[in-house]
Amino acid sequence: MSNKTINAWHQIVQTKDLQALKEILADDVVFHSPVVHSPQPGKAITLLYLQVALNVFGNDTFCYVREWVNEHDAVLEFNVEIQGVAVNGVDMISWDDEGKITDFKVMIRPLKAINIVHQEMAAGLKAAAKRSGR
């Protein structure tokens, strides 16, 4: 099933177009990290997490292998290799009637993959904070 929001997301993953990412996120979007306990509400924090994730996951091995899409929700299963570790996960995405993403949840397996993703995301977030002077 084709969907304009998911098609836009696939384009963002391919191009790492941060402007397009900003445009597709709702102001009240909530991000759910596989390693952070509490949901992260708001466009700014979601944009930050997804920007870093596009860099951490965005190598030649990343690919979506299955998709389940309906009118306002999708589950996209992916595989990627990070530092020699095979990562399998899903992006669970919900959007509103305007096509803006309102909820983005990432789940990852196995434990070794969670650990490497945690390490790489923490380094990326730290670098982003340093660049922005935080």
C-alpha atoms as a PDB file:
ATOM      1  CA  MET A   1       0.000   0.000   0.000  1.00  0.00           C
ATOM      2  CA  SER A   2       1.417   3.355  -0.986  1.00  0.00           C
ATOM      3  CA  ASN A   3       1.050   6.322   1.353  1.00  0.00           C
ATOM      4  CA  LYS A   4       2.338   9.882   0.920  1.00  0.00           C
ATOM      5  CA  THR A   5       3.675  10.117   4.495  1.00  0.00           C
ATOM      6  CA  ILE A   6       5.569   6.838   4.260  1.00  0.00           C
ATOM      7  CA  ASN A   7       6.781   7.682   0.753  1.00  0.00           C
ATOM      8  CA  ALA A   8       8.084  10.999   2.121  1.00  0.00           C
ATOM      9  CA  TRP A   9       9.760   9.173   5.027  1.00  0.00           C
ATOM     10  CA  HIS A  10      11.513   6.775   2.619  1.00  0.00           C
ATOM     11  CA  GLN A  11      12.762   9.776   0.619  1.00  0.00           C
ATOM     12  CA  ILE A  12      14.085  11.405   3.812  1.00  0.00           C
ATOM     13  CA  VAL A  13      15.912   8.196   4.759  1.00  0.00           C
ATOM     14  CA  GLN A  14      17.552   8.114   1.324  1.00  0.00           C
ATOM     15  CA  THR A  15      18.463  11.803   1.105  1.00  0.00           C
ATOM     16  CA  LYS A  16      18.828  12.757   4.794  1.00  0.00           C
ATOM     17  CA  ASP A  17      16.906  15.932   3.881  1.00  0.00           C
ATOM     18  CA  LEU A  18      16.504  17.696   7.239  1.00  0.00           C
ATOM     19  CA  GLN A  19      14.193  20.355   5.815  1.00  0.00           C
ATOM     20  CA  ALA A  20      11.819  17.685   4.547  1.00  0.00           C
ATOM     21  CA  LEU A  21      12.053  15.978   7.948  1.00  0.00           C
ATOM     22  CA  LYS A  22      11.091  19.237   9.701  1.00  0.00           C
ATOM     23  CA  GLU A  23       8.123  19.633   7.373  1.00  0.00           C
ATOM     24  CA  ILE A  24       6.760  16.126   7.944  1.00  0.00           C
ATOM     25  CA  LEU A  25       6.819  16.280  11.773  1.00  0.00           C
ATOM     26  CA  ALA A  26       3.803  17.588  13.689  1.00  0.00           C
ATOM     27  CA  ASP A  27       4.587  20.226  16.324  1.00  0.00           C
ATOM     28  CA  ASP A  28       3.353  17.888  19.083  1.00  0.00           C
ATOM     29  CA  VAL A  29       5.085  14.739  17.761  1.00  0.00           C
ATOM     30  CA  VAL A  30       6.321  12.240  20.357  1.00  0.00           C
ATOM     31  CA  PHE A  31       9.471  10.153  19.893  1.00  0.00           C
ATOM     32  CA  HIS A  32       9.935   6.807  21.661  1.00  0.00           C
ATOM     33  CA  SER A  33      13.546   5.673  21.821  1.00  0.00           C
ATOM     34  CA  PRO A  34      14.504   2.019  22.229  1.00  0.00           C
ATOM     35  CA  VAL A  35      16.867   2.982  25.062  1.00  0.00           C
ATOM     36  CA  VAL A  36      15.260   6.024  26.751  1.00  0.00           C
ATOM     37  CA  HIS A  37      12.507   5.074  29.210  1.00  0.00           C
ATOM     38  CA  SER A  38      10.230   8.080  28.857  1.00  0.00           C
ATOM     39  CA  PRO A  39       8.622   9.367  25.657  1.00  0.00           C
ATOM     40  CA  GLN A  40      10.293  12.468  24.205  1.00  0.00           C
ATOM     41  CA  PRO A  41       7.567  14.996  23.295  1.00  0.00           C
ATOM     42  CA  GLY A  42       7.992  17.839  20.825  1.00  0.00           C
ATOM     43  CA  LYS A  43       9.221  18.573  17.359  1.00  0.00           C
ATOM     44  CA  ALA A  44      12.680  19.848  18.365  1.00  0.00           C
ATOM     45  CA  ILE A  45      13.696  16.744  20.346  1.00  0.00           C
ATOM     46  CA  THR A  46      12.171  14.369  17.791  1.00  0.00           C
ATOM     47  CA  LEU A  47      14.020  16.160  15.006  1.00  0.00           C
ATOM     48  CA  LEU A  48      17.265  15.862  16.955  1.00  0.00           C
ATOM     49  CA  TYR A  49      16.842  12.136  17.616  1.00  0.00           C
ATOM     50  CA  LEU A  50      15.855  11.381  14.019  1.00  0.00           C
ATOM     51  CA  GLN A  51      18.680  13.519  12.607  1.00  0.00           C
ATOM     52  CA  VAL A  52      21.237  11.600  14.666  1.00  0.00           C
ATOM     53  CA  ALA A  53      19.526   8.295  13.812  1.00  0.00           C
ATOM     54  CA  LEU A  54      19.749   9.072  10.091  1.00  0.00           C
ATOM     55  CA  ASN A  55      23.516   9.338  10.541  1.00  0.00           C
ATOM     56  CA  VAL A  56      23.914   6.307  12.834  1.00  0.00           C
ATOM     57  CA  PHE A  57      21.716   4.014  10.728  1.00  0.00           C
ATOM     58  CA  GLY A  58      22.367   5.628   7.354  1.00  0.00           C
ATOM     59  CA  ASN A  59      24.971   3.357   5.845  1.00  0.00           C
ATOM     60  CA  ASP A  60      24.934   1.111   2.767  1.00  0.00           C
ATOM     61  CA  THR A  61      23.583  -1.865   4.733  1.00  0.00           C
ATOM     62  CA  PHE A  62      20.361  -0.175   5.894  1.00  0.00           C
ATOM     63  CA  CYS A  63      17.207  -1.480   4.270  1.00  0.00           C
ATOM     64  CA  TYR A  64      13.549  -1.810   5.060  1.00  0.00           C
ATOM     65  CA  VAL A  65      12.571  -5.443   4.590  1.00  0.00           C
ATOM     66  CA  ARG A  66       8.823  -5.396   5.366  1.00  0.00           C
ATOM     67  CA  GLU A  67       6.084  -2.811   5.720  1.00  0.00           C
ATOM     68  CA  TRP A  68       2.589  -2.794   7.175  1.00  0.00           C
ATOM     69  CA  VAL A  69       0.745   0.414   6.297  1.00  0.00           C
ATOM     70  CA  ASN A  70      -2.812   1.567   6.900  1.00  0.00           C
ATOM     71  CA  GLU A  71      -4.533   4.952   6.786  1.00  0.00           C
ATOM     72  CA  HIS A  72      -2.698   6.589   9.729  1.00  0.00           C
ATOM     73  CA  ASP A  73      -0.090   4.073  10.931  1.00  0.00           C
ATOM     74  CA  ALA A  74       2.796   2.025   9.641  1.00  0.00           C
ATOM     75  CA  VAL A  75       5.288  -0.514  10.919  1.00  0.00           C
ATOM     76  CA  LEU A  76       8.501  -0.650   8.914  1.00  0.00           C
ATOM     77  CA  GLU A  77      10.907  -3.493   9.688  1.00  0.00           C
ATOM     78  CA  PHE A  78      14.567  -2.785   8.975  1.00  0.00           C
ATOM     79  CA  ASN A  79      17.984  -4.417   9.015  1.00  0.00           C
ATOM     80  CA  VAL A  80      21.326  -2.644   9.244  1.00  0.00           C
ATOM     81  CA  GLU A  81      24.867  -3.469  10.290  1.00  0.00           C
ATOM     82  CA  ILE A  82      26.585  -1.063  12.687  1.00  0.00           C
ATOM     83  CA  GLN A  83      30.218  -1.734  13.637  1.00  0.00           C
ATOM     84  CA  GLY A  84      29.864  -5.359  12.593  1.00  0.00           C
ATOM     85  CA  VAL A  85      26.698  -5.888  14.655  1.00  0.00           C
ATOM     86  CA  ALA A  86      23.522  -7.013  12.878  1.00  0.00           C
ATOM     87  CA  VAL A  87      20.638  -4.793  13.978  1.00  0.00           C
ATOM     88  CA  ASN A  88      17.010  -5.732  13.376  1.00  0.00           C
ATOM     89  CA  GLY A  89      14.253  -3.331  14.292  1.00  0.00           C
ATOM     90  CA  VAL A  90      11.003  -1.619  13.513  1.00  0.00           C
ATOM     91  CA  ASP A  91       9.914   1.962  13.084  1.00  0.00           C
ATOM     92  CA  MET A  92       6.312   2.402  14.241  1.00  0.00           C
ATOM     93  CA  ILE A  93       4.982   5.634  12.744  1.00  0.00           C
ATOM     94  CA  SER A  94       1.608   7.372  13.166  1.00  0.00           C
ATOM     95  CA  TRP A  95       0.413  10.514  11.386  1.00  0.00           C
ATOM     96  CA  ASP A  96      -2.558  12.846  11.370  1.00  0.00           C
ATOM     97  CA  ASP A  97      -5.021  13.717   8.603  1.00  0.00           C
ATOM     98  CA  GLU A  98      -2.555  16.286   7.221  1.00  0.00           C
ATOM     99  CA  GLY A  99       0.132  13.617   6.846  1.00  0.00           C
ATOM    100  CA  LYS A 100       2.277  15.006   9.704  1.00  0.00           C
ATOM    101  CA  ILE A 101       3.994  12.415  11.869  1.00  0.00           C
ATOM    102  CA  THR A 102       2.529  12.498  15.387  1.00  0.00           C
ATOM    103  CA  ASP A 103       4.271   9.489  16.942  1.00  0.00           C
ATOM    104  CA  PHE A 104       7.530   7.723  16.081  1.00  0.00           C
ATOM    105  CA  LYS A 105       8.613   4.627  18.010  1.00  0.00           C
ATOM    106  CA  VAL A 106      11.760   2.597  17.372  1.00  0.00           C
ATOM    107  CA  MET A 107      12.215  -0.950  18.661  1.00  0.00           C
ATOM    108  CA  ILE A 108      15.466  -2.886  18.204  1.00  0.00           C
ATOM    109  CA  ARG A 109      16.781  -6.379  18.785  1.00  0.00           C
ATOM    110  CA  PRO A 110      18.907  -8.262  19.865  1.00  0.00           C
ATOM    111  CA  LEU A 111      20.516  -6.956  23.074  1.00  0.00           C
ATOM    112  CA  LYS A 112      23.925  -6.590  21.395  1.00  0.00           C
ATOM    113  CA  ALA A 113      22.267  -4.359  18.788  1.00  0.00           C
ATOM    114  CA  ILE A 114      20.537  -2.247  21.436  1.00  0.00           C
ATOM    115  CA  ASN A 115      23.875  -1.708  23.158  1.00  0.00           C
ATOM    116  CA  ILE A 116      25.684  -0.566  19.998  1.00  0.00           C
ATOM    117  CA  VAL A 117      22.781   1.682  18.979  1.00  0.00           C
ATOM    118  CA  HIS A 118      22.736   3.211  22.468  1.00  0.00           C
ATOM    119  CA  GLN A 119      26.477   3.875  22.279  1.00  0.00           C
ATOM    120  CA  GLU A 120      26.329   5.383  18.768  1.00  0.00           C
ATOM    121  CA  MET A 121      23.220   7.490  19.427  1.00  0.00           C
ATOM    122  CA  ALA A 122      24.693   8.833  22.691  1.00  0.00           C
ATOM    123  CA  ALA A 123      27.863   9.864  20.857  1.00  0.00           C
ATOM    124  CA  GLY A 124      25.840  11.486  18.076  1.00  0.00           C
ATOM    125  CA  LEU A 125      23.602  13.374  20.507  1.00  0.00           C
ATOM    126  CA  LYS A 126      26.636  14.548  22.478  1.00  0.00           C
ATOM    127  CA  ALA A 127      28.286  15.806  19.277  1.00  0.00           C
ATOM    128  CA  ALA A 128      25.087  17.583  18.214  1.00  0.00           C
ATOM    129  CA  ALA A 129      24.819  19.274  21.623  1.00  0.00           C
ATOM    130  CA  LYS A 130      28.443  20.371  21.387  1.00  0.00           C
ATOM    131  CA  ARG A 131      27.865  21.839  17.905  1.00  0.00           C
ATOM    132  CA  SER A 132      24.840  23.781  19.126  1.00  0.00           C
ATOM    133  CA  GLY A 133      26.680  25.069  22.203  1.00  0.00           C
ATOM    134  CA  ARG A 134      24.575  23.217  24.792  1.00  0.00           C
END
